[in-house]
Amino acid sequence: MRHRVAGKKLNRSMGHRNALRRNLVSALLHHERIMTTEAKAKAVRGQVEKLITLAKKGLQAEEEAPEKGVHARRLAAGRIYRWATDPDGTRVDLLKKLFEEIAPRYMERAGGYTRIYKMGPRKGDAAPMVLLELVGEE
């Protein structure tokens, strides 16, 4: 029985699995759209949604008590890689992007910040591929 057992193992050791999830979450926040396998996308989707909700609550709390906003930023910093590099070599602060660009975009939205599109099987091993993206302004 799998009572109270959360998450998928993805056939990896604990350290490898944690690094993979952190990489995927950071990549999704950086590019706002990534192509990956269906199992990985489903494993990461919940973490991204929780991070965006944490950022939203942190922004709302900064108005009353600034220390709560700092606390939210530090919690988020522990769950993603802080820096990413663009193809032109410039560094992007993902924490700043999460709190200043992504979270304000979803302030009026109650949840469901990500979307999964099925793309068909991968050519090499026929793994089901999906496009995981942040929901845009339609």
C-alpha atoms as a PDB file:
ATOM      1  CA  MET A   1       0.000   0.000   0.000  1.00  0.00           C
ATOM      2  CA  ARG A   2       1.202   3.495  -0.835  1.00  0.00           C
ATOM      3  CA  HIS A   3      -0.696   5.393   1.824  1.00  0.00           C
ATOM      4  CA  ARG A   4       0.782   8.868   2.421  1.00  0.00           C
ATOM      5  CA  VAL A   5       3.627   8.298  -0.036  1.00  0.00           C
ATOM      6  CA  ALA A   6       3.976  11.372  -2.233  1.00  0.00           C
ATOM      7  CA  GLY A   7       5.850  11.822  -5.489  1.00  0.00           C
ATOM      8  CA  LYS A   8       7.243   9.526  -8.157  1.00  0.00           C
ATOM      9  CA  LYS A   9      10.644   7.852  -7.975  1.00  0.00           C
ATOM     10  CA  LEU A  10      11.315   8.175 -11.734  1.00  0.00           C
ATOM     11  CA  ASN A  11      13.740   5.224 -11.497  1.00  0.00           C
ATOM     12  CA  ARG A  12      16.459   7.416  -9.926  1.00  0.00           C
ATOM     13  CA  SER A  13      18.270   7.676  -6.617  1.00  0.00           C
ATOM     14  CA  MET A  14      17.090  10.312  -4.168  1.00  0.00           C
ATOM     15  CA  GLY A  15      19.840  12.834  -4.922  1.00  0.00           C
ATOM     16  CA  HIS A  16      19.509  12.393  -8.680  1.00  0.00           C
ATOM     17  CA  ARG A  17      15.725  12.715  -8.443  1.00  0.00           C
ATOM     18  CA  ASN A  18      15.916  15.900  -6.355  1.00  0.00           C
ATOM     19  CA  ALA A  19      18.436  17.463  -8.744  1.00  0.00           C
ATOM     20  CA  LEU A  20      16.291  16.515 -11.745  1.00  0.00           C
ATOM     21  CA  ARG A  21      13.184  18.094 -10.240  1.00  0.00           C
ATOM     22  CA  ARG A  22      15.061  21.233  -9.280  1.00  0.00           C
ATOM     23  CA  ASN A  23      16.516  21.492 -12.796  1.00  0.00           C
ATOM     24  CA  LEU A  24      13.116  21.037 -14.442  1.00  0.00           C
ATOM     25  CA  VAL A  25      11.407  23.576 -12.166  1.00  0.00           C
ATOM     26  CA  SER A  26      14.181  26.119 -12.770  1.00  0.00           C
ATOM     27  CA  ALA A  27      14.084  25.511 -16.537  1.00  0.00           C
ATOM     28  CA  LEU A  28      10.310  25.974 -16.611  1.00  0.00           C
ATOM     29  CA  LEU A  29      10.556  29.248 -14.690  1.00  0.00           C
ATOM     30  CA  HIS A  30      13.361  30.454 -16.978  1.00  0.00           C
ATOM     31  CA  HIS A  31      11.889  29.490 -20.358  1.00  0.00           C
ATOM     32  CA  GLU A  32       8.199  29.278 -19.330  1.00  0.00           C
ATOM     33  CA  ARG A  33       7.883  26.249 -21.640  1.00  0.00           C
ATOM     34  CA  ILE A  34       9.834  22.979 -21.700  1.00  0.00           C
ATOM     35  CA  MET A  35       9.553  19.708 -23.580  1.00  0.00           C
ATOM     36  CA  THR A  36      10.046  16.627 -21.412  1.00  0.00           C
ATOM     37  CA  THR A  37       8.602  13.181 -20.808  1.00  0.00           C
ATOM     38  CA  GLU A  38       5.085  12.850 -19.474  1.00  0.00           C
ATOM     39  CA  ALA A  39       6.188  11.247 -16.192  1.00  0.00           C
ATOM     40  CA  LYS A  40       8.688  14.023 -15.456  1.00  0.00           C
ATOM     41  CA  ALA A  41       6.173  16.741 -16.313  1.00  0.00           C
ATOM     42  CA  LYS A  42       3.558  15.254 -13.996  1.00  0.00           C
ATOM     43  CA  ALA A  43       6.131  14.924 -11.214  1.00  0.00           C
ATOM     44  CA  VAL A  44       7.225  18.581 -11.519  1.00  0.00           C
ATOM     45  CA  ARG A  45       3.879  20.216 -12.189  1.00  0.00           C
ATOM     46  CA  GLY A  46       2.766  20.293  -8.545  1.00  0.00           C
ATOM     47  CA  GLN A  47       6.036  21.812  -7.362  1.00  0.00           C
ATOM     48  CA  VAL A  48       5.807  24.638  -9.885  1.00  0.00           C
ATOM     49  CA  GLU A  49       2.228  25.385  -8.896  1.00  0.00           C
ATOM     50  CA  LYS A  50       3.171  25.476  -5.206  1.00  0.00           C
ATOM     51  CA  LEU A  51       6.114  27.804  -5.914  1.00  0.00           C
ATOM     52  CA  ILE A  52       3.917  30.257  -7.803  1.00  0.00           C
ATOM     53  CA  THR A  53       1.341  30.177  -4.996  1.00  0.00           C
ATOM     54  CA  LEU A  54       4.120  30.767  -2.451  1.00  0.00           C
ATOM     55  CA  ALA A  55       5.339  33.758  -4.479  1.00  0.00           C
ATOM     56  CA  LYS A  56       1.811  35.172  -4.723  1.00  0.00           C
ATOM     57  CA  LYS A  57       1.287  34.882  -0.967  1.00  0.00           C
ATOM     58  CA  GLY A  58       4.718  36.395  -0.365  1.00  0.00           C
ATOM     59  CA  LEU A  59       3.878  39.423  -2.494  1.00  0.00           C
ATOM     60  CA  GLN A  60       0.573  39.909  -0.696  1.00  0.00           C
ATOM     61  CA  ALA A  61       2.239  39.546   2.720  1.00  0.00           C
ATOM     62  CA  GLU A  62       4.988  42.092   1.887  1.00  0.00           C
ATOM     63  CA  GLU A  63       2.422  44.870   2.059  1.00  0.00           C
ATOM     64  CA  GLU A  64       1.529  44.199   5.725  1.00  0.00           C
ATOM     65  CA  ALA A  65       4.756  42.662   7.038  1.00  0.00           C
ATOM     66  CA  PRO A  66       7.949  42.790   4.937  1.00  0.00           C
ATOM     67  CA  GLU A  67       9.533  39.932   6.906  1.00  0.00           C
ATOM     68  CA  LYS A  68       6.883  37.528   5.594  1.00  0.00           C
ATOM     69  CA  GLY A  69       7.815  38.446   2.033  1.00  0.00           C
ATOM     70  CA  VAL A  70      11.481  37.786   2.815  1.00  0.00           C
ATOM     71  CA  HIS A  71      10.523  34.436   4.332  1.00  0.00           C
ATOM     72  CA  ALA A  72       8.642  33.453   1.168  1.00  0.00           C
ATOM     73  CA  ARG A  73      11.632  34.424  -1.000  1.00  0.00           C
ATOM     74  CA  ARG A  74      13.995  32.350   1.119  1.00  0.00           C
ATOM     75  CA  LEU A  75      11.685  29.326   0.970  1.00  0.00           C
ATOM     76  CA  ALA A  76      11.485  29.652  -2.816  1.00  0.00           C
ATOM     77  CA  ALA A  77      15.268  30.109  -3.093  1.00  0.00           C
ATOM     78  CA  GLY A  78      15.747  26.756  -1.400  1.00  0.00           C
ATOM     79  CA  ARG A  79      13.626  24.975  -3.988  1.00  0.00           C
ATOM     80  CA  ILE A  80      15.042  26.333  -7.258  1.00  0.00           C
ATOM     81  CA  TYR A  81      18.426  27.133  -8.737  1.00  0.00           C
ATOM     82  CA  ARG A  82      18.860  30.862  -8.278  1.00  0.00           C
ATOM     83  CA  TRP A  83      20.630  31.697 -11.538  1.00  0.00           C
ATOM     84  CA  ALA A  84      20.147  30.668 -15.151  1.00  0.00           C
ATOM     85  CA  THR A  85      22.113  31.665 -18.222  1.00  0.00           C
ATOM     86  CA  ASP A  86      20.593  32.872 -21.479  1.00  0.00           C
ATOM     87  CA  PRO A  87      22.080  31.731 -24.808  1.00  0.00           C
ATOM     88  CA  ASP A  88      23.789  35.117 -25.180  1.00  0.00           C
ATOM     89  CA  GLY A  89      25.619  34.572 -21.872  1.00  0.00           C
ATOM     90  CA  THR A  90      23.656  36.941 -19.634  1.00  0.00           C
ATOM     91  CA  ARG A  91      22.638  35.685 -16.196  1.00  0.00           C
ATOM     92  CA  VAL A  92      18.990  35.667 -15.167  1.00  0.00           C
ATOM     93  CA  ASP A  93      17.925  35.776 -11.510  1.00  0.00           C
ATOM     94  CA  LEU A  94      15.117  33.194 -11.409  1.00  0.00           C
ATOM     95  CA  LEU A  95      13.994  34.187  -7.922  1.00  0.00           C
ATOM     96  CA  LYS A  96      13.541  37.781  -9.040  1.00  0.00           C
ATOM     97  CA  LYS A  97      11.712  36.618 -12.176  1.00  0.00           C
ATOM     98  CA  LEU A  98       9.385  34.413 -10.103  1.00  0.00           C
ATOM     99  CA  PHE A  99       8.438  37.212  -7.712  1.00  0.00           C
ATOM    100  CA  GLU A 100       8.428  40.187 -10.089  1.00  0.00           C
ATOM    101  CA  GLU A 101       7.165  38.759 -13.393  1.00  0.00           C
ATOM    102  CA  ILE A 102       5.481  35.382 -12.963  1.00  0.00           C
ATOM    103  CA  ALA A 103       3.611  35.739  -9.634  1.00  0.00           C
ATOM    104  CA  PRO A 104       2.001  39.128 -10.430  1.00  0.00           C
ATOM    105  CA  ARG A 105       0.749  37.684 -13.717  1.00  0.00           C
ATOM    106  CA  TYR A 106      -1.326  35.117 -11.789  1.00  0.00           C
ATOM    107  CA  MET A 107      -2.587  37.280  -8.896  1.00  0.00           C
ATOM    108  CA  GLU A 108      -6.190  37.048 -10.089  1.00  0.00           C
ATOM    109  CA  ARG A 109      -5.969  33.335 -10.922  1.00  0.00           C
ATOM    110  CA  ALA A 110      -6.915  30.819  -8.218  1.00  0.00           C
ATOM    111  CA  GLY A 111      -4.688  28.011  -9.486  1.00  0.00           C
ATOM    112  CA  GLY A 112      -3.891  25.955 -12.553  1.00  0.00           C
ATOM    113  CA  TYR A 113      -0.801  27.860 -13.645  1.00  0.00           C
ATOM    114  CA  THR A 114       0.582  25.087 -15.874  1.00  0.00           C
ATOM    115  CA  ARG A 115      -0.645  23.222 -18.922  1.00  0.00           C
ATOM    116  CA  ILE A 116       0.502  19.934 -20.472  1.00  0.00           C
ATOM    117  CA  TYR A 117       0.232  19.263 -24.221  1.00  0.00           C
ATOM    118  CA  LYS A 118       0.944  15.750 -25.494  1.00  0.00           C
ATOM    119  CA  MET A 119       3.451  15.778 -28.340  1.00  0.00           C
ATOM    120  CA  GLY A 120       3.720  12.111 -29.307  1.00  0.00           C
ATOM    121  CA  PRO A 121       6.465   9.553 -28.765  1.00  0.00           C
ATOM    122  CA  ARG A 122      10.193  10.360 -28.752  1.00  0.00           C
ATOM    123  CA  LYS A 123      12.030   8.981 -31.763  1.00  0.00           C
ATOM    124  CA  GLY A 124      14.759   7.086 -29.905  1.00  0.00           C
ATOM    125  CA  ASP A 125      12.861   5.152 -27.235  1.00  0.00           C
ATOM    126  CA  ALA A 126       9.193   5.972 -27.902  1.00  0.00           C
ATOM    127  CA  ALA A 127       8.830   7.706 -24.527  1.00  0.00           C
ATOM    128  CA  PRO A 128       5.664   9.843 -24.455  1.00  0.00           C
ATOM    129  CA  MET A 129       6.759  13.471 -24.792  1.00  0.00           C
ATOM    130  CA  VAL A 130       4.812  16.494 -23.589  1.00  0.00           C
ATOM    131  CA  LEU A 131       5.104  20.255 -23.643  1.00  0.00           C
ATOM    132  CA  LEU A 132       4.843  21.674 -20.112  1.00  0.00           C
ATOM    133  CA  GLU A 133       4.173  25.402 -20.096  1.00  0.00           C
ATOM    134  CA  LEU A 134       2.988  28.192 -17.892  1.00  0.00           C
ATOM    135  CA  VAL A 135      -0.492  29.318 -18.814  1.00  0.00           C
ATOM    136  CA  GLY A 136      -0.335  32.617 -20.701  1.00  0.00           C
ATOM    137  CA  GLU A 137      -2.744  35.473 -21.029  1.00  0.00           C
ATOM    138  CA  GLU A 138      -5.387  34.306 -23.500  1.00  0.00           C
END
